[in-house]
C-alpha cells in the first residue's frame, strides 16, 4: 500500500519568523554560544542580549545555562521569571511568561506542530501564555495554543495539551487536573 503522506509537497512559505535573515543568523550564533552553553552562567548578560534581539524582559529574571530560545522577538517575560537549565522555548509563535513564573529544568514550550491529517503535513503554530505565578515542572511539555492560568502547576514530566485552570495542579500525559493549589504565606 502506497503512503498518502508526501513530504515533498510540504510548503510553509506562508510562515514568517520575523526580524530578517541577518538578524536570525546572528541570533542563531548568540543562542548557540551564550544561551545554549555552560560558558555563560550569568543572567544579566542574557537579559541584555534578549532585549537587544527584541524580547520584552522584566526585572529580576534568572536564566540558567543550556537554554534554547528560537526567536527572542516573539518572547515576553514578566519580572522575576526563572528559566531552568536545558529549557527549550520553541517559539514559532508568541510566548508570554507572566510575573513570578518558573520554567523548570528540561521543560519544552512548543508553539508549532504539524497537521498529521493532511498529506502535506502542514505546519501549524499557536501562542503559549503562562500566567503570573505558574510553575512548569521539570521535563514537562506545553503544547501549542495552551494557557496556564495564574499560579497553576504542570507537574514533572506532564504534557499540557489543553488550558490549565488557575491555582490548580495537573499531572500526566495528557495532563489532567489533580487538585487545587494552595499557596501559603
Protein backbone atom coordinates (compact mmCIF):
# COMPACT_ATOMS: atom_id res chain seq x y z
CA UNK A 1 0.00 0.00 0.00
CA UNK A 2 1.42 3.36 -1.06
CA UNK A 3 1.65 6.04 1.62
CA UNK A 4 -0.62 9.07 1.24
CA UNK A 5 1.87 11.25 3.08
CA UNK A 6 4.07 13.15 0.64
CA UNK A 7 6.57 15.41 2.37
CA UNK A 8 7.91 16.62 -0.97
CA UNK A 9 4.77 18.78 -1.19
CA UNK A 10 5.37 20.41 2.22
CA UNK A 11 5.21 24.20 1.92
CA UNK A 12 5.47 26.58 4.84
CA UNK A 13 6.31 29.62 2.72
CA UNK A 14 3.42 31.41 4.43
CA UNK A 15 5.34 31.34 7.73
CA UNK A 16 7.45 34.39 8.54
CA UNK A 17 9.55 34.13 11.73
CA UNK A 18 10.28 37.87 11.55
CA UNK A 19 13.37 40.06 12.01
CA UNK A 20 15.03 39.20 8.69
CA UNK A 21 17.62 36.62 7.71
CA UNK A 22 20.66 38.52 9.02
CA UNK A 23 19.18 39.03 12.49
CA UNK A 24 18.05 35.39 12.59
CA UNK A 25 21.57 34.27 11.66
CA UNK A 26 23.13 36.49 14.34
CA UNK A 27 20.65 35.19 16.92
CA UNK A 28 21.50 31.60 15.96
CA UNK A 29 25.15 32.29 16.81
CA UNK A 30 24.37 34.17 20.06
CA UNK A 31 21.89 31.49 21.15
CA UNK A 32 24.40 28.70 20.50
CA UNK A 33 27.37 30.44 22.13
CA UNK A 34 25.77 32.22 25.10
CA UNK A 35 22.36 30.71 25.91
CA UNK A 36 22.68 27.06 24.88
CA UNK A 37 26.07 26.76 26.57
CA UNK A 38 27.58 26.31 30.02
CA UNK A 39 30.17 29.01 29.30
CA UNK A 40 27.99 31.99 30.33
CA UNK A 41 26.12 31.26 33.57
CA UNK A 42 25.28 34.92 34.21
CA UNK A 43 21.66 36.03 33.74
CA UNK A 44 22.44 39.75 33.35
CA UNK A 45 24.24 39.30 30.03
CA UNK A 46 21.44 37.04 28.75
CA UNK A 47 18.76 39.58 29.66
CA UNK A 48 20.68 42.32 27.82
CA UNK A 49 21.04 40.12 24.73
CA UNK A 50 17.37 39.10 24.77
CA UNK A 51 16.32 42.75 24.90
CA UNK A 52 18.80 43.63 22.15
CA UNK A 53 17.13 41.00 19.93
CA UNK A 54 13.62 42.30 20.65
CA UNK A 55 12.41 40.32 23.67
CA UNK A 56 10.44 42.13 26.36
CA UNK A 57 12.03 41.16 29.69
CA UNK A 58 11.06 42.35 33.16
CA UNK A 59 13.31 42.84 36.19
CA UNK A 60 14.93 40.13 38.30
CA UNK A 61 14.85 37.34 35.70
CA UNK A 62 17.10 34.31 36.12
CA UNK A 63 18.16 32.36 33.02
CA UNK A 64 20.26 29.27 33.70
CA UNK A 65 22.77 27.69 31.28
CA UNK A 66 21.87 25.49 28.28
CA UNK A 67 18.63 27.34 27.46
CA UNK A 68 17.49 27.32 23.83
CA UNK A 69 15.24 30.14 22.59
CA UNK A 70 14.13 30.01 18.93
CA UNK A 71 13.09 33.65 18.34
CA UNK A 72 13.59 36.23 21.13
CA UNK A 73 11.49 38.83 19.29
CA UNK A 74 8.49 36.54 19.94
CA UNK A 75 9.17 36.32 23.71
CA UNK A 76 7.72 38.38 26.55
CA UNK A 77 8.84 37.73 30.13
CA UNK A 78 7.46 39.49 33.20
CA UNK A 79 9.51 40.22 36.31
CA UNK A 80 11.14 37.57 38.50
CA UNK A 81 10.88 34.80 35.89
CA UNK A 82 13.10 31.76 36.43
CA UNK A 83 14.16 29.65 33.44
CA UNK A 84 15.99 26.44 34.41
CA UNK A 85 18.79 24.56 32.70
CA UNK A 86 18.07 22.92 29.35
CA UNK A 87 14.71 24.65 28.85
CA UNK A 88 13.72 24.84 25.18
CA UNK A 89 11.43 27.68 24.12
CA UNK A 90 10.49 26.72 20.57
CA UNK A 91 8.52 29.91 19.99
CA UNK A 92 7.42 29.81 16.38
CA UNK A 93 4.59 31.97 17.76
CA UNK A 94 4.35 34.32 20.77
CA UNK A 95 5.37 33.00 24.18
CA UNK A 96 4.24 35.17 27.08
CA UNK A 97 5.51 34.47 30.60
CA UNK A 98 3.84 36.45 33.37
CA UNK A 99 5.46 37.66 36.58
CA UNK A 100 6.97 35.13 39.02
CA UNK A 101 6.80 32.25 36.53
CA UNK A 102 9.10 29.26 36.98
CA UNK A 103 10.05 27.10 33.99
CA UNK A 104 11.99 24.15 35.47
CA UNK A 105 14.87 22.15 34.04
CA UNK A 106 14.36 20.48 30.69
CA UNK A 107 10.86 21.86 30.11
CA UNK A 108 9.75 22.32 26.49
CA UNK A 109 7.47 25.15 25.34
CA UNK A 110 6.31 24.11 21.88
CA UNK A 111 4.47 26.63 19.68
CA UNK A 112 4.49 24.58 16.49
CA UNK A 113 3.35 21.22 15.25
CA UNK A 114 2.29 19.54 12.02
CA UNK A 115 -1.17 18.59 10.80
CA UNK A 116 -0.97 14.80 10.65
CA UNK A 117 -4.38 14.67 8.94
CA UNK A 118 -3.06 16.31 5.76
CA UNK A 119 -0.84 14.51 3.27
CA UNK A 120 1.28 17.68 3.07
CA UNK A 121 1.98 17.65 6.85
CA UNK A 122 1.20 21.39 7.08
CA UNK A 123 2.88 23.48 9.77
CA UNK A 124 0.55 24.77 12.49
CA UNK A 125 1.57 27.41 15.05
CA UNK A 126 -0.19 28.86 18.10
CA UNK A 127 0.93 31.05 21.03
CA UNK A 128 1.61 29.93 24.60
CA UNK A 129 0.70 32.01 27.64
CA UNK A 130 1.90 31.19 31.14
CA UNK A 131 0.21 33.46 33.65
CA UNK A 132 1.54 35.01 36.88
CA UNK A 133 2.88 32.60 39.49
CA UNK A 134 2.56 29.48 37.34
CA UNK A 135 5.12 26.68 37.51
CA UNK A 136 6.09 24.41 34.63
CA UNK A 137 7.74 21.33 36.17
CA UNK A 138 10.96 19.70 35.04
CA UNK A 139 10.86 17.75 31.77
CA UNK A 140 7.27 18.80 31.10
CA UNK A 141 5.84 19.97 27.77
CA UNK A 142 3.46 22.83 26.99
CA UNK A 143 1.82 22.34 23.58
CA UNK A 144 0.78 24.99 21.02
CA UNK A 145 -2.12 27.23 21.96
CA UNK A 146 -2.09 26.35 25.67
CA UNK A 147 -2.56 28.82 28.52
CA UNK A 148 -1.51 28.02 32.08
CA UNK A 149 -3.70 30.00 34.48
CA UNK A 150 -2.43 32.10 37.39
CA UNK A 151 -0.49 30.02 39.93
CA UNK A 152 -1.23 26.76 38.12
CA UNK A 153 1.27 23.86 38.27
CA UNK A 154 2.19 21.47 35.47
CA UNK A 155 3.98 18.72 37.37
CA UNK A 156 7.19 16.90 36.45
CA UNK A 157 7.07 15.15 33.07
CA UNK A 158 3.47 16.19 32.32
CA UNK A 159 2.19 17.23 28.89
CA UNK A 160 -0.24 20.18 28.72
CA UNK A 161 -2.39 19.73 25.61
CA UNK A 162 -5.18 22.00 26.85
CA UNK A 163 -5.51 25.03 29.12
CA UNK A 164 -4.80 24.69 32.84
CA UNK A 165 -7.16 26.40 35.27
CA UNK A 166 -5.80 28.95 37.74
CA UNK A 167 -4.49 27.72 41.10
CA UNK A 168 -4.74 24.08 40.06
CA UNK A 169 -2.23 21.22 39.83
CA UNK A 170 -2.05 18.99 36.74
CA UNK A 171 -0.07 15.79 36.06
CA UNK A 172 0.25 13.08 33.43
CA UNK A 173 0.22 12.70 29.67
CA UNK A 174 -2.04 14.29 28.72
CA UNK A 175 -2.10 16.44 31.84
CA UNK A 176 -5.20 16.01 33.98
CA UNK A 177 -6.46 18.02 36.94
CA UNK A 178 -5.30 16.65 40.32
CA UNK A 179 -6.33 19.23 42.93
CA UNK A 180 -6.34 22.89 43.85
CA UNK A 181 -3.04 24.62 44.64
CA UNK A 182 -2.97 26.39 47.98
CA UNK A 183 -0.10 28.87 48.18
CA UNK A 184 0.83 29.62 51.79
CA UNK A 185 2.23 32.94 53.01
